[in-house]
Amino acid sequence: MDSTKKEVEELLNVQITDQQFSEAYKCAVHKQRYIFQQEKRREVKEHWYLVELIKEYVISLAFQEFTLDLCRMNNMEKEHLPKRTGTPTTNHIVTVSAL
C-alpha cells in the first residue's frame, strides 16, 4: 500500500495524506471491480491500472473538497451581509438654487 501511495504521489507530483489515499483507494478498487465485471479486460486487473484510478480519484476528491470550501465561504459571506427589508427605492437629490 505504501509503495502504491508513493507511485500516485509521483504521478501527481504532490504529497497526499493517508486519508486522501485511503478514500481514493476504496473508490478506485470499487471502480476497478465494476469495470472488470463489465468488460473482462485483463489490463483492468493490473497494478498500473489501479494506480491510475487512484490518481483519478485523488484529483476528483481534491476538486470536490475545493468546491465545497468555496460554497462554505460563499455561505459565510451571505450570513454577514446586512439584512434588507422592504422594497428597494431610489433617492433623487434635487438641489434648489435660489427660490
N, C-alpha and C. Protein backbone atom coordinates (compact mmCIF):
# COMPACT_ATOMS: atom_id res chain seq x y z
N MET A 1 0.82 -1.21 0.00
CA MET A 1 0.00 0.00 0.00
C MET A 1 0.86 1.26 0.00
N ASP A 2 1.90 1.23 0.81
CA ASP A 2 2.78 2.41 0.91
C ASP A 2 3.44 2.72 -0.43
N SER A 3 3.86 1.66 -1.12
CA SER A 3 4.51 1.88 -2.42
C SER A 3 3.51 2.39 -3.44
N THR A 4 2.26 1.94 -3.34
CA THR A 4 1.22 2.42 -4.25
C THR A 4 0.96 3.90 -4.02
N LYS A 5 0.92 4.30 -2.76
CA LYS A 5 0.72 5.71 -2.44
C LYS A 5 1.86 6.54 -3.02
N LYS A 6 3.09 6.05 -2.90
CA LYS A 6 4.25 6.77 -3.44
C LYS A 6 4.17 6.89 -4.96
N GLU A 7 3.68 5.84 -5.61
CA GLU A 7 3.53 5.89 -7.07
C GLU A 7 2.53 6.97 -7.48
N VAL A 8 1.42 7.03 -6.74
CA VAL A 8 0.39 8.04 -7.02
C VAL A 8 0.96 9.44 -6.80
N GLU A 9 1.68 9.62 -5.69
CA GLU A 9 2.29 10.91 -5.40
C GLU A 9 3.27 11.33 -6.49
N GLU A 10 4.03 10.38 -7.02
CA GLU A 10 4.98 10.69 -8.08
C GLU A 10 4.25 11.11 -9.36
N LEU A 11 3.14 10.42 -9.67
CA LEU A 11 2.36 10.79 -10.85
C LEU A 11 1.76 12.18 -10.71
N LEU A 12 1.31 12.51 -9.50
CA LEU A 12 0.68 13.81 -9.26
C LEU A 12 1.70 14.90 -8.95
N ASN A 13 2.91 14.48 -8.62
CA ASN A 13 3.95 15.40 -8.22
C ASN A 13 3.55 16.23 -7.00
N VAL A 14 2.88 15.56 -6.06
CA VAL A 14 2.43 16.20 -4.82
C VAL A 14 2.24 15.11 -3.76
N GLN A 15 2.45 15.49 -2.50
CA GLN A 15 2.20 14.54 -1.42
C GLN A 15 0.72 14.54 -1.06
N ILE A 16 0.20 13.37 -0.77
CA ILE A 16 -1.20 13.26 -0.36
C ILE A 16 -1.27 12.67 1.03
N THR A 17 -2.32 12.99 1.75
CA THR A 17 -2.48 12.47 3.11
C THR A 17 -2.91 11.01 3.06
N ASP A 18 -2.73 10.34 4.18
CA ASP A 18 -3.19 8.95 4.27
C ASP A 18 -4.70 8.86 4.09
N GLN A 19 -5.40 9.85 4.61
CA GLN A 19 -6.86 9.87 4.48
C GLN A 19 -7.28 10.03 3.01
N GLN A 20 -6.62 10.93 2.30
CA GLN A 20 -6.92 11.12 0.88
C GLN A 20 -6.66 9.83 0.11
N PHE A 21 -5.52 9.20 0.41
CA PHE A 21 -5.17 7.97 -0.29
C PHE A 21 -6.18 6.87 0.03
N SER A 22 -6.51 6.73 1.28
CA SER A 22 -7.44 5.68 1.71
C SER A 22 -8.80 5.81 1.02
N GLU A 23 -9.33 7.02 1.00
CA GLU A 23 -10.63 7.25 0.37
C GLU A 23 -10.55 7.01 -1.14
N ALA A 24 -9.50 7.51 -1.76
CA ALA A 24 -9.33 7.32 -3.20
C ALA A 24 -9.11 5.83 -3.53
N TYR A 25 -8.39 5.15 -2.69
CA TYR A 25 -8.12 3.72 -2.89
C TYR A 25 -9.42 2.92 -2.87
N LYS A 26 -10.27 3.19 -1.88
CA LYS A 26 -11.55 2.47 -1.78
C LYS A 26 -12.40 2.68 -3.03
N CYS A 27 -12.49 3.93 -3.46
CA CYS A 27 -13.28 4.24 -4.67
C CYS A 27 -12.68 3.58 -5.89
N ALA A 28 -11.36 3.60 -6.00
CA ALA A 28 -10.68 3.04 -7.17
C ALA A 28 -10.85 1.53 -7.25
N VAL A 29 -10.74 0.84 -6.12
CA VAL A 29 -10.92 -0.61 -6.10
C VAL A 29 -12.35 -0.96 -6.52
N HIS A 30 -13.29 -0.21 -6.02
CA HIS A 30 -14.69 -0.44 -6.38
C HIS A 30 -14.89 -0.25 -7.89
N LYS A 31 -14.33 0.82 -8.44
CA LYS A 31 -14.45 1.10 -9.87
C LYS A 31 -13.74 0.03 -10.69
N GLN A 32 -12.57 -0.39 -10.21
CA GLN A 32 -11.81 -1.42 -10.91
C GLN A 32 -12.62 -2.71 -11.02
N ARG A 33 -13.26 -3.11 -9.94
CA ARG A 33 -14.09 -4.33 -9.95
C ARG A 33 -15.27 -4.18 -10.91
N TYR A 34 -15.89 -3.01 -10.86
CA TYR A 34 -17.04 -2.77 -11.73
C TYR A 34 -16.63 -2.83 -13.20
N ILE A 35 -15.54 -2.16 -13.54
CA ILE A 35 -15.09 -2.15 -14.93
C ILE A 35 -14.76 -3.57 -15.39
N PHE A 36 -14.10 -4.34 -14.52
CA PHE A 36 -13.73 -5.70 -14.89
C PHE A 36 -14.98 -6.56 -15.10
N GLN A 37 -15.98 -6.39 -14.26
CA GLN A 37 -17.23 -7.14 -14.43
C GLN A 37 -17.88 -6.82 -15.76
N GLN A 38 -17.81 -5.56 -16.16
CA GLN A 38 -18.46 -5.13 -17.39
C GLN A 38 -17.68 -5.53 -18.64
N GLU A 39 -16.36 -5.40 -18.59
CA GLU A 39 -15.56 -5.53 -19.81
C GLU A 39 -14.66 -6.76 -19.85
N LYS A 40 -14.33 -7.34 -18.71
CA LYS A 40 -13.47 -8.52 -18.62
C LYS A 40 -12.11 -8.35 -19.32
N ARG A 41 -11.60 -7.12 -19.33
CA ARG A 41 -10.27 -6.88 -19.91
C ARG A 41 -9.20 -7.17 -18.86
N ARG A 42 -8.16 -7.89 -19.24
CA ARG A 42 -7.11 -8.27 -18.31
C ARG A 42 -6.38 -7.08 -17.71
N GLU A 43 -6.14 -6.05 -18.53
CA GLU A 43 -5.35 -4.91 -18.05
C GLU A 43 -6.04 -4.17 -16.91
N VAL A 44 -7.35 -4.31 -16.80
CA VAL A 44 -8.09 -3.65 -15.72
C VAL A 44 -7.63 -4.17 -14.36
N LYS A 45 -7.21 -5.43 -14.30
CA LYS A 45 -6.78 -6.03 -13.04
C LYS A 45 -5.31 -5.76 -12.71
N GLU A 46 -4.60 -5.12 -13.61
CA GLU A 46 -3.18 -4.87 -13.37
C GLU A 46 -2.96 -3.70 -12.41
N HIS A 47 -1.81 -3.75 -11.76
CA HIS A 47 -1.48 -2.76 -10.72
C HIS A 47 -1.45 -1.34 -11.29
N TRP A 48 -0.84 -1.17 -12.44
CA TRP A 48 -0.73 0.17 -13.03
C TRP A 48 -2.10 0.79 -13.27
N TYR A 49 -3.08 -0.05 -13.60
CA TYR A 49 -4.44 0.45 -13.86
C TYR A 49 -5.06 0.96 -12.56
N LEU A 50 -4.85 0.21 -11.49
CA LEU A 50 -5.35 0.64 -10.18
C LEU A 50 -4.69 1.96 -9.77
N VAL A 51 -3.40 2.10 -10.00
CA VAL A 51 -2.69 3.34 -9.66
C VAL A 51 -3.30 4.52 -10.42
N GLU A 52 -3.60 4.33 -11.70
CA GLU A 52 -4.22 5.39 -12.49
C GLU A 52 -5.61 5.74 -11.96
N LEU A 53 -6.38 4.74 -11.56
CA LEU A 53 -7.70 5.01 -10.98
C LEU A 53 -7.59 5.76 -9.67
N ILE A 54 -6.63 5.38 -8.85
CA ILE A 54 -6.42 6.08 -7.57
C ILE A 54 -6.06 7.54 -7.84
N LYS A 55 -5.16 7.75 -8.78
CA LYS A 55 -4.76 9.12 -9.15
C LYS A 55 -5.99 9.92 -9.58
N GLU A 56 -6.81 9.32 -10.40
CA GLU A 56 -8.04 9.97 -10.88
C GLU A 56 -8.94 10.36 -9.71
N TYR A 57 -9.08 9.47 -8.74
CA TYR A 57 -9.94 9.77 -7.59
C TYR A 57 -9.32 10.79 -6.65
N VAL A 58 -8.01 10.79 -6.49
CA VAL A 58 -7.37 11.81 -5.65
C VAL A 58 -7.66 13.19 -6.22
N ILE A 59 -7.54 13.33 -7.53
CA ILE A 59 -7.82 14.60 -8.20
C ILE A 59 -9.29 14.98 -8.02
N SER A 60 -10.16 14.02 -8.25
CA SER A 60 -11.60 14.27 -8.15
C SER A 60 -12.00 14.67 -6.73
N LEU A 61 -11.48 13.96 -5.75
CA LEU A 61 -11.82 14.27 -4.36
C LEU A 61 -11.25 15.62 -3.92
N ALA A 62 -10.07 15.96 -4.41
CA ALA A 62 -9.48 17.27 -4.09
C ALA A 62 -10.32 18.39 -4.69
N PHE A 63 -10.77 18.20 -5.92
CA PHE A 63 -11.62 19.20 -6.56
C PHE A 63 -12.96 19.32 -5.83
N GLN A 64 -13.48 18.19 -5.40
CA GLN A 64 -14.74 18.18 -4.63
C GLN A 64 -14.57 18.98 -3.34
N GLU A 65 -13.48 18.76 -2.63
CA GLU A 65 -13.23 19.47 -1.37
C GLU A 65 -13.05 20.96 -1.63
N PHE A 66 -12.33 21.31 -2.68
CA PHE A 66 -12.14 22.71 -3.05
C PHE A 66 -13.49 23.38 -3.32
N THR A 67 -14.33 22.71 -4.07
CA THR A 67 -15.66 23.24 -4.40
C THR A 67 -16.51 23.42 -3.15
N LEU A 68 -16.48 22.44 -2.27
CA LEU A 68 -17.24 22.56 -1.02
C LEU A 68 -16.72 23.72 -0.16
N ASP A 69 -15.41 23.91 -0.12
CA ASP A 69 -14.84 25.04 0.63
C ASP A 69 -15.32 26.37 0.05
N LEU A 70 -15.36 26.47 -1.28
CA LEU A 70 -15.87 27.70 -1.90
C LEU A 70 -17.33 27.94 -1.53
N CYS A 71 -18.12 26.90 -1.53
CA CYS A 71 -19.53 27.04 -1.17
C CYS A 71 -19.67 27.48 0.28
N ARG A 72 -18.84 26.90 1.16
CA ARG A 72 -18.89 27.29 2.57
C ARG A 72 -18.51 28.76 2.74
N MET A 73 -17.48 29.18 2.02
CA MET A 73 -17.06 30.58 2.10
C MET A 73 -18.16 31.50 1.58
N ASN A 74 -18.79 31.11 0.51
CA ASN A 74 -19.88 31.90 -0.07
C ASN A 74 -21.04 32.01 0.91
N ASN A 75 -21.37 30.91 1.58
CA ASN A 75 -22.45 30.93 2.57
C ASN A 75 -22.09 31.80 3.76
N MET A 76 -20.81 31.78 4.16
CA MET A 76 -20.39 32.62 5.28
C MET A 76 -20.50 34.09 4.91
N GLU A 77 -20.15 34.42 3.68
CA GLU A 77 -20.26 35.81 3.24
C GLU A 77 -21.72 36.25 3.23
N LYS A 78 -22.60 35.39 2.80
CA LYS A 78 -24.03 35.71 2.77
C LYS A 78 -24.58 35.94 4.18
N GLU A 79 -24.06 35.18 5.15
CA GLU A 79 -24.53 35.33 6.52
C GLU A 79 -24.15 36.68 7.10
N HIS A 80 -23.07 37.27 6.63
CA HIS A 80 -22.59 38.52 7.17
C HIS A 80 -23.06 39.75 6.40
N LEU A 81 -23.85 39.55 5.37
CA LEU A 81 -24.40 40.68 4.63
C LEU A 81 -25.50 41.34 5.47
N PRO A 82 -25.62 42.65 5.39
CA PRO A 82 -26.71 43.30 6.14
C PRO A 82 -28.06 42.85 5.57
N LYS A 83 -28.99 42.63 6.47
CA LYS A 83 -30.32 42.21 6.04
C LYS A 83 -31.12 43.44 5.63
N ARG A 84 -31.71 43.37 4.48
CA ARG A 84 -32.51 44.49 3.98
C ARG A 84 -33.97 44.06 3.96
N THR A 85 -34.81 44.94 4.41
CA THR A 85 -36.23 44.66 4.39
C THR A 85 -36.95 45.72 3.56
N GLY A 86 -38.11 45.40 3.10
CA GLY A 86 -38.86 46.37 2.32
C GLY A 86 -38.48 46.32 0.86
N THR A 87 -39.03 47.23 0.13
CA THR A 87 -38.76 47.28 -1.30
C THR A 87 -37.65 48.29 -1.58
N PRO A 88 -36.84 48.00 -2.57
CA PRO A 88 -35.77 48.94 -2.90
C PRO A 88 -36.34 50.25 -3.45
N THR A 89 -35.74 51.32 -3.07
CA THR A 89 -36.17 52.63 -3.57
C THR A 89 -34.96 53.39 -4.05
N THR A 90 -35.21 54.37 -4.89
CA THR A 90 -34.11 55.23 -5.32
C THR A 90 -34.35 56.60 -4.72
N ASN A 91 -33.30 57.20 -4.30
CA ASN A 91 -33.38 58.55 -3.74
C ASN A 91 -32.79 59.52 -4.74
N HIS A 92 -33.58 60.49 -5.15
CA HIS A 92 -33.08 61.52 -6.02
C HIS A 92 -32.88 62.77 -5.21
N ILE A 93 -31.70 63.29 -5.23
CA ILE A 93 -31.43 64.53 -4.51
C ILE A 93 -31.51 65.67 -5.49
N VAL A 94 -32.42 66.56 -5.18
CA VAL A 94 -32.60 67.72 -6.06
C VAL A 94 -32.18 68.94 -5.29
N THR A 95 -31.29 69.67 -5.85
CA THR A 95 -30.85 70.90 -5.19
C THR A 95 -31.70 72.05 -5.69
N VAL A 96 -32.05 72.88 -4.77
CA VAL A 96 -32.85 74.04 -5.14
C VAL A 96 -31.96 75.27 -5.03
N SER A 97 -31.76 75.91 -6.13
CA SER A 97 -30.96 77.13 -6.06
C SER A 97 -31.85 78.23 -5.52
N ALA A 98 -31.67 79.37 -5.86
CA ALA A 98 -32.42 80.48 -5.29
C ALA A 98 -33.90 80.36 -5.61
N LEU A 99 -34.71 80.42 -4.60
CA LEU A 99 -36.17 80.39 -4.77
C LEU A 99 -36.75 81.73 -4.85
